[in-house]
């Protein structure tokens, strides 16, 4: 994880900008632990970066802030693909796939064993 986080911020250090910011897409929670722990343990500092991790704020438009240079990085979702296709200038540095904890349950007696069977 340390290596991935370092690589994610390496491009910024190559631009000789050692102050960077990362806008989270939600409140502090476990899925962001890698970023938070890396900062707390000094991994970014050791790489010459001063990272400011910004907690979610519903008044902030993360995409606009990155495009306007107010924020260096932001975590987003699949809507960024559409934004990129529409010429916004969004560039994905890395994609992280997670499995959702959500599950759909039905009774065995329903006979439904595929989502398509619910139509």
N, C-alpha and C. Protein backbone atom coordinates (compact mmCIF):
# COMPACT_ATOMS: atom_id res chain seq x y z
N UNK A 1 0.83 -1.18 0.00
CA UNK A 1 0.00 0.00 0.00
C UNK A 1 0.88 1.25 0.00
N UNK A 2 1.94 1.23 0.77
CA UNK A 2 2.85 2.37 0.85
C UNK A 2 3.40 2.72 -0.53
N UNK A 3 3.77 1.70 -1.30
CA UNK A 3 4.31 1.92 -2.63
C UNK A 3 3.27 2.54 -3.55
N UNK A 4 2.04 2.03 -3.50
CA UNK A 4 0.98 2.57 -4.35
C UNK A 4 0.70 4.03 -4.03
N UNK A 5 0.67 4.36 -2.74
CA UNK A 5 0.41 5.73 -2.37
C UNK A 5 1.55 6.65 -2.79
N UNK A 6 2.76 6.15 -2.66
CA UNK A 6 3.91 6.94 -3.10
C UNK A 6 3.84 7.21 -4.60
N UNK A 7 3.54 6.18 -5.37
CA UNK A 7 3.45 6.34 -6.83
C UNK A 7 2.35 7.33 -7.20
N UNK A 8 1.23 7.26 -6.47
CA UNK A 8 0.11 8.15 -6.77
C UNK A 8 0.49 9.61 -6.63
N UNK A 9 1.36 9.91 -5.69
CA UNK A 9 1.75 11.30 -5.48
C UNK A 9 3.08 11.67 -6.13
N UNK A 10 3.75 10.71 -6.74
CA UNK A 10 5.05 10.95 -7.36
C UNK A 10 4.98 12.00 -8.46
N UNK A 11 3.94 11.95 -9.26
CA UNK A 11 3.83 12.90 -10.37
C UNK A 11 3.85 14.34 -9.87
N UNK A 12 3.24 14.58 -8.74
CA UNK A 12 3.23 15.93 -8.20
C UNK A 12 4.63 16.36 -7.79
N UNK A 13 5.39 15.46 -7.19
CA UNK A 13 6.74 15.82 -6.78
C UNK A 13 7.62 16.10 -7.99
N UNK A 14 7.33 15.44 -9.10
CA UNK A 14 8.10 15.70 -10.32
C UNK A 14 7.84 17.09 -10.86
N UNK A 15 6.71 17.65 -10.51
CA UNK A 15 6.38 19.01 -10.93
C UNK A 15 6.96 20.04 -9.97
N UNK A 16 7.77 19.59 -9.02
CA UNK A 16 8.42 20.45 -8.03
C UNK A 16 7.40 21.18 -7.17
N UNK A 17 6.30 20.55 -6.90
CA UNK A 17 5.26 21.12 -6.05
C UNK A 17 5.10 20.18 -4.87
N UNK A 18 5.76 20.50 -3.75
CA UNK A 18 5.76 19.55 -2.65
C UNK A 18 4.55 19.68 -1.74
N UNK A 19 3.66 20.65 -1.97
CA UNK A 19 2.43 20.79 -1.22
C UNK A 19 1.29 20.29 -2.09
N UNK A 20 0.64 19.19 -1.68
CA UNK A 20 -0.47 18.63 -2.45
C UNK A 20 -1.66 18.41 -1.54
N UNK A 21 -2.83 18.33 -2.16
CA UNK A 21 -4.05 18.07 -1.40
C UNK A 21 -4.81 16.92 -2.04
N UNK A 22 -5.51 16.19 -1.20
CA UNK A 22 -6.31 15.06 -1.63
C UNK A 22 -7.71 15.21 -1.06
N UNK A 23 -8.70 15.37 -1.94
CA UNK A 23 -10.09 15.50 -1.52
C UNK A 23 -10.72 14.11 -1.44
N UNK A 24 -11.16 13.73 -0.26
CA UNK A 24 -11.83 12.44 -0.09
C UNK A 24 -13.25 12.54 -0.61
N UNK A 25 -13.83 11.41 -0.98
CA UNK A 25 -15.20 11.45 -1.50
C UNK A 25 -16.24 11.16 -0.43
N UNK A 26 -15.80 11.05 0.81
CA UNK A 26 -16.73 10.86 1.92
C UNK A 26 -16.02 11.22 3.22
N UNK A 27 -16.74 11.12 4.32
CA UNK A 27 -16.16 11.39 5.64
C UNK A 27 -15.06 10.37 5.92
N UNK A 28 -14.20 10.70 6.88
CA UNK A 28 -13.14 9.76 7.25
C UNK A 28 -13.75 8.41 7.62
N UNK A 29 -13.28 7.37 6.97
CA UNK A 29 -13.73 6.02 7.27
C UNK A 29 -12.66 5.04 6.81
N UNK A 30 -12.91 3.76 7.06
CA UNK A 30 -11.88 2.75 6.85
C UNK A 30 -11.34 2.71 5.42
N UNK A 31 -12.16 2.95 4.42
CA UNK A 31 -11.68 2.84 3.04
C UNK A 31 -10.59 3.86 2.72
N UNK A 32 -10.44 4.90 3.54
CA UNK A 32 -9.40 5.90 3.33
C UNK A 32 -8.23 5.72 4.29
N UNK A 33 -8.23 4.64 5.03
CA UNK A 33 -7.21 4.41 6.05
C UNK A 33 -5.80 4.43 5.46
N UNK A 34 -5.61 3.91 4.27
CA UNK A 34 -4.29 3.88 3.66
C UNK A 34 -3.70 5.27 3.49
N UNK A 35 -4.53 6.21 3.02
CA UNK A 35 -4.06 7.58 2.85
C UNK A 35 -3.75 8.23 4.20
N UNK A 36 -4.64 8.02 5.15
CA UNK A 36 -4.51 8.66 6.46
C UNK A 36 -3.31 8.10 7.22
N UNK A 37 -3.17 6.79 7.23
CA UNK A 37 -2.05 6.16 7.94
C UNK A 37 -0.72 6.53 7.29
N UNK A 38 -0.69 6.59 5.96
CA UNK A 38 0.55 6.98 5.27
C UNK A 38 0.99 8.37 5.70
N UNK A 39 0.02 9.27 5.87
CA UNK A 39 0.37 10.61 6.32
C UNK A 39 0.86 10.57 7.77
N UNK A 40 0.11 9.88 8.63
CA UNK A 40 0.46 9.81 10.05
C UNK A 40 1.83 9.17 10.28
N UNK A 41 2.18 8.19 9.49
CA UNK A 41 3.46 7.51 9.64
C UNK A 41 4.61 8.26 8.94
N UNK A 42 4.28 9.32 8.24
CA UNK A 42 5.32 10.15 7.63
C UNK A 42 5.81 9.67 6.28
N UNK A 43 5.09 8.73 5.62
CA UNK A 43 5.53 8.23 4.33
C UNK A 43 5.57 9.34 3.28
N UNK A 44 4.56 10.20 3.27
CA UNK A 44 4.55 11.30 2.31
C UNK A 44 5.68 12.28 2.61
N UNK A 45 5.83 12.62 3.88
CA UNK A 45 6.90 13.54 4.28
C UNK A 45 8.26 13.00 3.86
N UNK A 46 8.47 11.69 4.06
CA UNK A 46 9.73 11.07 3.67
C UNK A 46 9.98 11.17 2.17
N UNK A 47 8.89 11.25 1.40
CA UNK A 47 9.01 11.39 -0.05
C UNK A 47 9.09 12.85 -0.46
N UNK A 48 9.13 13.75 0.52
CA UNK A 48 9.25 15.17 0.22
C UNK A 48 7.93 15.85 -0.07
N UNK A 49 6.83 15.25 0.37
CA UNK A 49 5.51 15.80 0.09
C UNK A 49 4.80 16.23 1.36
N UNK A 50 4.14 17.35 1.29
CA UNK A 50 3.30 17.83 2.37
C UNK A 50 1.86 17.64 1.90
N UNK A 51 1.23 16.57 2.38
CA UNK A 51 -0.10 16.19 1.89
C UNK A 51 -1.17 16.67 2.85
N UNK A 52 -2.14 17.37 2.31
CA UNK A 52 -3.30 17.82 3.08
C UNK A 52 -4.49 16.95 2.65
N UNK A 53 -5.01 16.15 3.57
CA UNK A 53 -6.15 15.29 3.27
C UNK A 53 -7.42 16.02 3.67
N UNK A 54 -8.30 16.23 2.71
CA UNK A 54 -9.52 16.99 2.92
C UNK A 54 -10.73 16.07 3.04
N UNK A 55 -11.39 16.16 4.17
CA UNK A 55 -12.59 15.34 4.39
C UNK A 55 -13.73 15.85 3.49
N UNK A 56 -14.65 14.98 3.17
CA UNK A 56 -15.81 15.32 2.33
C UNK A 56 -16.55 16.52 2.89
N UNK A 57 -16.97 17.37 1.98
CA UNK A 57 -17.80 18.52 2.31
C UNK A 57 -18.78 18.64 1.15
N UNK A 58 -20.08 18.54 1.45
CA UNK A 58 -21.06 18.51 0.36
C UNK A 58 -21.15 19.83 -0.40
N UNK A 59 -20.52 20.88 0.08
CA UNK A 59 -20.51 22.14 -0.67
C UNK A 59 -19.35 22.21 -1.65
N UNK A 60 -18.48 21.20 -1.64
CA UNK A 60 -17.30 21.17 -2.51
C UNK A 60 -17.58 20.34 -3.76
N UNK A 61 -17.26 20.88 -4.91
CA UNK A 61 -17.33 20.13 -6.16
C UNK A 61 -15.90 19.67 -6.46
N UNK A 62 -15.60 18.43 -6.07
CA UNK A 62 -14.23 17.92 -6.15
C UNK A 62 -13.68 17.98 -7.58
N UNK A 63 -14.49 17.63 -8.56
CA UNK A 63 -14.04 17.66 -9.95
C UNK A 63 -13.64 19.07 -10.36
N UNK A 64 -14.48 20.03 -10.08
CA UNK A 64 -14.17 21.42 -10.43
C UNK A 64 -12.93 21.91 -9.70
N UNK A 65 -12.80 21.53 -8.42
CA UNK A 65 -11.63 21.97 -7.65
C UNK A 65 -10.34 21.42 -8.24
N UNK A 66 -10.35 20.19 -8.72
CA UNK A 66 -9.14 19.63 -9.34
C UNK A 66 -8.88 20.32 -10.68
N UNK A 67 -9.92 20.47 -11.48
CA UNK A 67 -9.74 21.10 -12.79
C UNK A 67 -9.29 22.56 -12.69
N UNK A 68 -9.69 23.24 -11.61
CA UNK A 68 -9.31 24.63 -11.42
C UNK A 68 -8.02 24.80 -10.61
N UNK A 69 -7.43 23.68 -10.20
CA UNK A 69 -6.17 23.74 -9.47
C UNK A 69 -6.30 24.03 -7.98
N UNK A 70 -7.52 24.09 -7.47
CA UNK A 70 -7.72 24.34 -6.04
C UNK A 70 -7.31 23.12 -5.21
N UNK A 71 -7.53 21.93 -5.77
CA UNK A 71 -7.15 20.67 -5.14
C UNK A 71 -6.26 19.93 -6.12
N UNK A 72 -5.26 19.21 -5.61
CA UNK A 72 -4.34 18.48 -6.48
C UNK A 72 -4.95 17.17 -6.96
N UNK A 73 -5.51 16.41 -6.01
CA UNK A 73 -6.11 15.11 -6.32
C UNK A 73 -7.47 15.02 -5.65
N UNK A 74 -8.33 14.18 -6.22
CA UNK A 74 -9.62 13.91 -5.58
C UNK A 74 -10.01 12.47 -5.91
N UNK A 75 -10.68 11.86 -4.97
CA UNK A 75 -11.21 10.52 -5.22
C UNK A 75 -12.59 10.69 -5.81
N UNK A 76 -12.88 9.89 -6.82
CA UNK A 76 -14.16 10.00 -7.49
C UNK A 76 -14.77 8.65 -7.74
N UNK A 77 -15.73 8.64 -8.63
CA UNK A 77 -16.41 7.39 -8.97
C UNK A 77 -16.50 7.26 -10.49
N UNK A 78 -17.34 6.37 -10.95
CA UNK A 78 -17.41 6.09 -12.38
C UNK A 78 -17.89 7.28 -13.21
N UNK A 79 -18.47 8.29 -12.59
CA UNK A 79 -18.90 9.47 -13.34
C UNK A 79 -17.70 10.20 -13.97
N UNK A 80 -16.51 9.95 -13.44
CA UNK A 80 -15.32 10.58 -14.01
C UNK A 80 -15.03 10.08 -15.42
N UNK A 81 -15.43 8.85 -15.72
CA UNK A 81 -15.25 8.32 -17.08
C UNK A 81 -16.06 9.17 -18.05
N UNK A 82 -17.31 9.45 -17.69
CA UNK A 82 -18.17 10.28 -18.55
C UNK A 82 -17.60 11.69 -18.68
N UNK A 83 -17.12 12.24 -17.58
CA UNK A 83 -16.52 13.58 -17.62
C UNK A 83 -15.33 13.61 -18.56
N UNK A 84 -14.50 12.58 -18.50
CA UNK A 84 -13.34 12.50 -19.38
C UNK A 84 -13.77 12.39 -20.83
N UNK A 85 -14.78 11.56 -21.09
CA UNK A 85 -15.27 11.39 -22.46
C UNK A 85 -15.87 12.69 -23.01
N UNK A 86 -16.36 13.54 -22.10
CA UNK A 86 -16.94 14.82 -22.52
C UNK A 86 -15.89 15.92 -22.64
N UNK A 87 -14.61 15.54 -22.51
CA UNK A 87 -13.53 16.49 -22.72
C UNK A 87 -13.20 17.38 -21.54
N UNK A 88 -13.51 16.94 -20.32
CA UNK A 88 -13.26 17.78 -19.14
C UNK A 88 -11.78 17.95 -18.81
N UNK A 89 -10.94 17.06 -19.31
CA UNK A 89 -9.53 17.11 -18.96
C UNK A 89 -9.17 16.19 -17.81
N UNK A 90 -10.12 15.41 -17.34
CA UNK A 90 -9.88 14.48 -16.24
C UNK A 90 -8.96 13.37 -16.72
N UNK A 91 -7.96 13.07 -15.91
CA UNK A 91 -7.05 11.98 -16.20
C UNK A 91 -7.04 11.06 -14.99
N UNK A 92 -7.27 9.79 -15.20
CA UNK A 92 -7.23 8.82 -14.10
C UNK A 92 -5.81 8.33 -13.92
N UNK A 93 -5.29 8.46 -12.72
CA UNK A 93 -3.95 7.97 -12.44
C UNK A 93 -3.98 6.50 -12.06
N UNK A 94 -4.99 6.13 -11.31
CA UNK A 94 -5.09 4.73 -10.92
C UNK A 94 -6.53 4.43 -10.58
N UNK A 95 -6.91 3.23 -10.83
CA UNK A 95 -8.25 2.79 -10.49
C UNK A 95 -8.15 1.77 -9.38
N UNK A 96 -9.00 1.93 -8.39
CA UNK A 96 -9.05 1.01 -7.27
C UNK A 96 -10.43 0.39 -7.27
N UNK A 97 -10.48 -0.90 -7.33
CA UNK A 97 -11.76 -1.58 -7.32
C UNK A 97 -12.02 -2.16 -5.94
N UNK A 98 -13.22 -1.95 -5.46
CA UNK A 98 -13.61 -2.49 -4.16
C UNK A 98 -14.87 -3.30 -4.34
N UNK A 99 -15.03 -4.27 -3.50
CA UNK A 99 -16.27 -5.01 -3.50
C UNK A 99 -17.20 -4.37 -2.48
N UNK A 100 -18.42 -4.19 -2.87
CA UNK A 100 -19.40 -3.60 -1.99
C UNK A 100 -19.85 -4.61 -0.94
N UNK A 101 -20.16 -4.11 0.22
CA UNK A 101 -20.66 -4.97 1.29
C UNK A 101 -22.16 -5.21 1.15
N UNK A 102 -22.78 -4.58 0.19
CA UNK A 102 -24.22 -4.77 0.00
C UNK A 102 -24.51 -6.14 -0.59
N UNK A 103 -25.63 -6.69 -0.20
CA UNK A 103 -26.03 -7.99 -0.72
C UNK A 103 -27.55 -7.96 -0.93
N UNK A 104 -27.99 -8.67 -1.91
CA UNK A 104 -29.41 -8.82 -2.17
C UNK A 104 -29.80 -10.24 -1.78
N UNK A 105 -30.79 -10.35 -0.92
CA UNK A 105 -31.20 -11.68 -0.46
C UNK A 105 -32.66 -11.91 -0.79
N UNK A 106 -32.96 -13.10 -1.20
CA UNK A 106 -34.34 -13.52 -1.44
C UNK A 106 -34.51 -14.92 -0.87
N UNK A 107 -35.75 -15.28 -0.64
CA UNK A 107 -36.02 -16.63 -0.17
C UNK A 107 -35.76 -17.65 -1.27
N UNK A 108 -35.23 -18.78 -0.92
CA UNK A 108 -34.98 -19.83 -1.90
C UNK A 108 -36.26 -20.21 -2.62
N UNK A 109 -37.37 -20.16 -1.91
CA UNK A 109 -38.66 -20.53 -2.50
C UNK A 109 -39.13 -19.55 -3.58
N UNK A 110 -38.51 -18.36 -3.69
CA UNK A 110 -38.92 -17.39 -4.70
C UNK A 110 -38.53 -17.84 -6.11
N UNK A 111 -37.52 -18.72 -6.20
CA UNK A 111 -37.05 -19.16 -7.49
C UNK A 111 -36.14 -18.16 -8.18
N UNK A 112 -35.85 -17.04 -7.53
CA UNK A 112 -34.98 -16.01 -8.11
C UNK A 112 -33.54 -16.36 -7.76
N UNK A 113 -32.71 -16.59 -8.79
CA UNK A 113 -31.29 -16.84 -8.54
C UNK A 113 -30.39 -15.94 -9.38
N UNK A 114 -31.01 -15.07 -10.18
CA UNK A 114 -30.29 -14.07 -10.96
C UNK A 114 -31.07 -12.76 -10.90
N UNK A 115 -30.37 -11.63 -10.98
CA UNK A 115 -31.07 -10.34 -10.98
C UNK A 115 -32.05 -10.25 -12.15
N UNK A 116 -31.67 -10.82 -13.28
CA UNK A 116 -32.52 -10.76 -14.47
C UNK A 116 -33.86 -11.46 -14.24
N UNK A 117 -33.90 -12.39 -13.30
CA UNK A 117 -35.13 -13.14 -13.03
C UNK A 117 -36.14 -12.30 -12.28
N UNK A 118 -35.76 -11.12 -11.84
CA UNK A 118 -36.68 -10.28 -11.07
C UNK A 118 -37.62 -9.48 -11.95
N UNK A 119 -37.42 -9.49 -13.25
CA UNK A 119 -38.30 -8.71 -14.15
C UNK A 119 -39.66 -9.31 -14.22
